[in-house]
Amino acid sequence: MNSEPAPQLHAADEFDVDLEKSSEGPMRAATRWAAGLVDAFFGGDGSEAVGAAVVVHRLNDHSEVIRVNTGTIEEAESLLGMMRSDLAELSHEDFLDRWSPADNEENVS
């Protein structure tokens, strides 16, 4: 008899995460664009003009599980790194507990 424990599956075995264009409304996008122009005018990098979202998809059917809209591309890249790390380390349930909004939990499990 072989009594070796089954290997623990990680969230990365079921989900993938990537950056996508933010799905915000036209007023929010226009405001973000204007803020980016003002920022660039005063010597900034204008990154506020780019609306980015970090999106988690199921690997088997590519359905969207979690979407987090961010303020800047830097925030999105930072969040993407944290989520990728958690995908590699956490179980499916633990990942969803950590990243799912409370009102969306019934839709992602």
C-alpha atoms as a PDB file:
ATOM      1  CA  MET A   1       0.000   0.000   0.000  1.00  0.00           C
ATOM      2  CA  ASN A   2       1.173   3.433  -0.867  1.00  0.00           C
ATOM      3  CA  SER A   3       0.164   5.996   1.720  1.00  0.00           C
ATOM      4  CA  GLU A   4       1.835   9.021   0.201  1.00  0.00           C
ATOM      5  CA  PRO A   5      -0.304  12.146   0.505  1.00  0.00           C
ATOM      6  CA  ALA A   6      -1.755  13.506  -2.695  1.00  0.00           C
ATOM      7  CA  PRO A   7       0.155  16.528  -3.995  1.00  0.00           C
ATOM      8  CA  GLN A   8      -1.411  19.820  -2.957  1.00  0.00           C
ATOM      9  CA  LEU A   9      -2.957  21.679  -5.851  1.00  0.00           C
ATOM     10  CA  HIS A  10      -2.329  25.375  -6.067  1.00  0.00           C
ATOM     11  CA  ALA A  11      -4.566  28.093  -7.455  1.00  0.00           C
ATOM     12  CA  ALA A  12      -2.173  28.370 -10.426  1.00  0.00           C
ATOM     13  CA  ASP A  13      -3.358  24.916 -11.507  1.00  0.00           C
ATOM     14  CA  GLU A  14      -6.818  26.385 -12.134  1.00  0.00           C
ATOM     15  CA  PHE A  15      -6.380  30.146 -12.630  1.00  0.00           C
ATOM     16  CA  ASP A  16      -4.214  32.598 -14.570  1.00  0.00           C
ATOM     17  CA  VAL A  17      -3.868  36.357 -14.010  1.00  0.00           C
ATOM     18  CA  ASP A  18      -2.952  39.124 -16.427  1.00  0.00           C
ATOM     19  CA  LEU A  19      -3.314  42.847 -17.111  1.00  0.00           C
ATOM     20  CA  GLU A  20      -6.159  44.079 -19.280  1.00  0.00           C
ATOM     21  CA  LYS A  21      -7.586  47.422 -20.272  1.00  0.00           C
ATOM     22  CA  SER A  22      -9.841  48.752 -17.540  1.00  0.00           C
ATOM     23  CA  SER A  23     -13.563  48.428 -18.177  1.00  0.00           C
ATOM     24  CA  GLU A  24     -14.582  51.772 -16.727  1.00  0.00           C
ATOM     25  CA  GLY A  25     -17.246  54.085 -18.088  1.00  0.00           C
ATOM     26  CA  PRO A  26     -16.564  56.941 -20.527  1.00  0.00           C
ATOM     27  CA  MET A  27     -16.721  59.686 -17.859  1.00  0.00           C
ATOM     28  CA  ARG A  28     -14.188  57.900 -15.656  1.00  0.00           C
ATOM     29  CA  ALA A  29     -11.932  57.240 -18.664  1.00  0.00           C
ATOM     30  CA  ALA A  30     -12.115  60.926 -19.713  1.00  0.00           C
ATOM     31  CA  THR A  31     -11.277  62.040 -16.174  1.00  0.00           C
ATOM     32  CA  ARG A  32      -8.334  59.631 -16.040  1.00  0.00           C
ATOM     33  CA  TRP A  33      -7.101  60.871 -19.436  1.00  0.00           C
ATOM     34  CA  ALA A  34      -7.308  64.521 -18.308  1.00  0.00           C
ATOM     35  CA  ALA A  35      -5.471  63.734 -15.075  1.00  0.00           C
ATOM     36  CA  GLY A  36      -2.731  62.024 -17.089  1.00  0.00           C
ATOM     37  CA  LEU A  37      -2.328  65.060 -19.322  1.00  0.00           C
ATOM     38  CA  VAL A  38      -2.074  67.399 -16.335  1.00  0.00           C
ATOM     39  CA  ASP A  39       0.437  65.064 -14.687  1.00  0.00           C
ATOM     40  CA  ALA A  40       2.552  64.916 -17.868  1.00  0.00           C
ATOM     41  CA  PHE A  41       2.376  68.708 -18.259  1.00  0.00           C
ATOM     42  CA  PHE A  42       3.896  69.128 -14.789  1.00  0.00           C
ATOM     43  CA  GLY A  43       6.710  66.657 -15.449  1.00  0.00           C
ATOM     44  CA  GLY A  44       5.071  63.397 -14.444  1.00  0.00           C
ATOM     45  CA  ASP A  45       4.980  60.279 -16.546  1.00  0.00           C
ATOM     46  CA  GLY A  46       1.264  60.587 -17.355  1.00  0.00           C
ATOM     47  CA  SER A  47       0.594  57.034 -16.184  1.00  0.00           C
ATOM     48  CA  GLU A  48      -2.763  58.070 -14.719  1.00  0.00           C
ATOM     49  CA  ALA A  49      -4.073  58.212 -18.310  1.00  0.00           C
ATOM     50  CA  VAL A  50      -3.857  54.432 -18.644  1.00  0.00           C
ATOM     51  CA  GLY A  51      -6.708  52.522 -17.064  1.00  0.00           C
ATOM     52  CA  ALA A  52      -5.555  48.994 -16.216  1.00  0.00           C
ATOM     53  CA  ALA A  53      -7.246  46.059 -14.562  1.00  0.00           C
ATOM     54  CA  VAL A  54      -5.812  42.893 -13.064  1.00  0.00           C
ATOM     55  CA  VAL A  55      -8.003  40.000 -14.199  1.00  0.00           C
ATOM     56  CA  VAL A  56      -8.044  36.381 -13.027  1.00  0.00           C
ATOM     57  CA  HIS A  57      -9.374  33.819 -15.529  1.00  0.00           C
ATOM     58  CA  ARG A  58     -10.083  30.094 -15.262  1.00  0.00           C
ATOM     59  CA  LEU A  59      -7.631  28.094 -17.339  1.00  0.00           C
ATOM     60  CA  ASN A  60     -10.198  25.574 -18.598  1.00  0.00           C
ATOM     61  CA  ASP A  61     -12.734  27.993 -20.109  1.00  0.00           C
ATOM     62  CA  HIS A  62     -11.089  31.438 -19.796  1.00  0.00           C
ATOM     63  CA  SER A  63     -14.070  32.786 -17.839  1.00  0.00           C
ATOM     64  CA  GLU A  64     -13.396  35.855 -15.729  1.00  0.00           C
ATOM     65  CA  VAL A  65     -13.232  35.103 -12.007  1.00  0.00           C
ATOM     66  CA  ILE A  66     -11.912  38.339 -10.474  1.00  0.00           C
ATOM     67  CA  ARG A  67     -11.368  41.839 -11.904  1.00  0.00           C
ATOM     68  CA  VAL A  68      -9.614  44.590  -9.973  1.00  0.00           C
ATOM     69  CA  ASN A  69      -9.490  48.029 -11.608  1.00  0.00           C
ATOM     70  CA  THR A  70      -6.454  50.029 -10.539  1.00  0.00           C
ATOM     71  CA  GLY A  71      -5.539  53.713 -10.509  1.00  0.00           C
ATOM     72  CA  THR A  72      -2.255  53.528 -12.421  1.00  0.00           C
ATOM     73  CA  ILE A  73      -0.249  51.017 -14.420  1.00  0.00           C
ATOM     74  CA  GLU A  74       2.283  50.880 -11.562  1.00  0.00           C
ATOM     75  CA  GLU A  75      -0.453  49.830  -9.132  1.00  0.00           C
ATOM     76  CA  ALA A  76      -1.658  47.234 -11.614  1.00  0.00           C
ATOM     77  CA  GLU A  77       1.832  45.777 -12.082  1.00  0.00           C
ATOM     78  CA  SER A  78       2.386  45.620  -8.315  1.00  0.00           C
ATOM     79  CA  LEU A  79      -0.969  43.915  -7.771  1.00  0.00           C
ATOM     80  CA  LEU A  80      -0.259  41.512 -10.636  1.00  0.00           C
ATOM     81  CA  GLY A  81       2.974  40.433  -8.945  1.00  0.00           C
ATOM     82  CA  MET A  82       1.220  39.824  -5.624  1.00  0.00           C
ATOM     83  CA  MET A  83      -1.564  37.826  -7.265  1.00  0.00           C
ATOM     84  CA  ARG A  84       0.893  35.698  -9.283  1.00  0.00           C
ATOM     85  CA  SER A  85       2.795  34.899  -6.107  1.00  0.00           C
ATOM     86  CA  ASP A  86      -0.414  33.906  -4.323  1.00  0.00           C
ATOM     87  CA  LEU A  87      -1.502  31.755  -7.290  1.00  0.00           C
ATOM     88  CA  ALA A  88       1.734  29.787  -6.963  1.00  0.00           C
ATOM     89  CA  GLU A  89       1.558  29.422  -3.186  1.00  0.00           C
ATOM     90  CA  LEU A  90      -2.106  29.253  -2.138  1.00  0.00           C
ATOM     91  CA  SER A  91      -4.797  26.662  -2.655  1.00  0.00           C
ATOM     92  CA  HIS A  92      -7.835  27.440  -4.817  1.00  0.00           C
ATOM     93  CA  GLU A  93      -9.988  28.188  -1.762  1.00  0.00           C
ATOM     94  CA  ASP A  94      -7.363  30.303   0.006  1.00  0.00           C
ATOM     95  CA  PHE A  95      -6.716  32.350  -3.132  1.00  0.00           C
ATOM     96  CA  LEU A  96     -10.417  33.096  -3.597  1.00  0.00           C
ATOM     97  CA  ASP A  97     -10.795  33.930   0.102  1.00  0.00           C
ATOM     98  CA  ARG A  98      -7.952  36.425  -0.152  1.00  0.00           C
ATOM     99  CA  TRP A  99      -8.825  38.131  -3.453  1.00  0.00           C
ATOM    100  CA  SER A 100     -12.571  37.800  -4.078  1.00  0.00           C
ATOM    101  CA  PRO A 101     -14.834  40.663  -3.094  1.00  0.00           C
ATOM    102  CA  ALA A 102     -17.359  39.446  -0.500  1.00  0.00           C
ATOM    103  CA  ASP A 103     -20.369  40.168  -2.696  1.00  0.00           C
ATOM    104  CA  ASN A 104     -18.882  38.145  -5.600  1.00  0.00           C
ATOM    105  CA  GLU A 105     -17.950  34.985  -3.682  1.00  0.00           C
ATOM    106  CA  GLU A 106     -20.994  32.999  -4.762  1.00  0.00           C
ATOM    107  CA  ASN A 107     -20.146  33.700  -8.425  1.00  0.00           C
ATOM    108  CA  VAL A 108     -16.538  32.481  -8.382  1.00  0.00           C
ATOM    109  CA  SER A 109     -16.588  29.211  -6.450  1.00  0.00           C
END
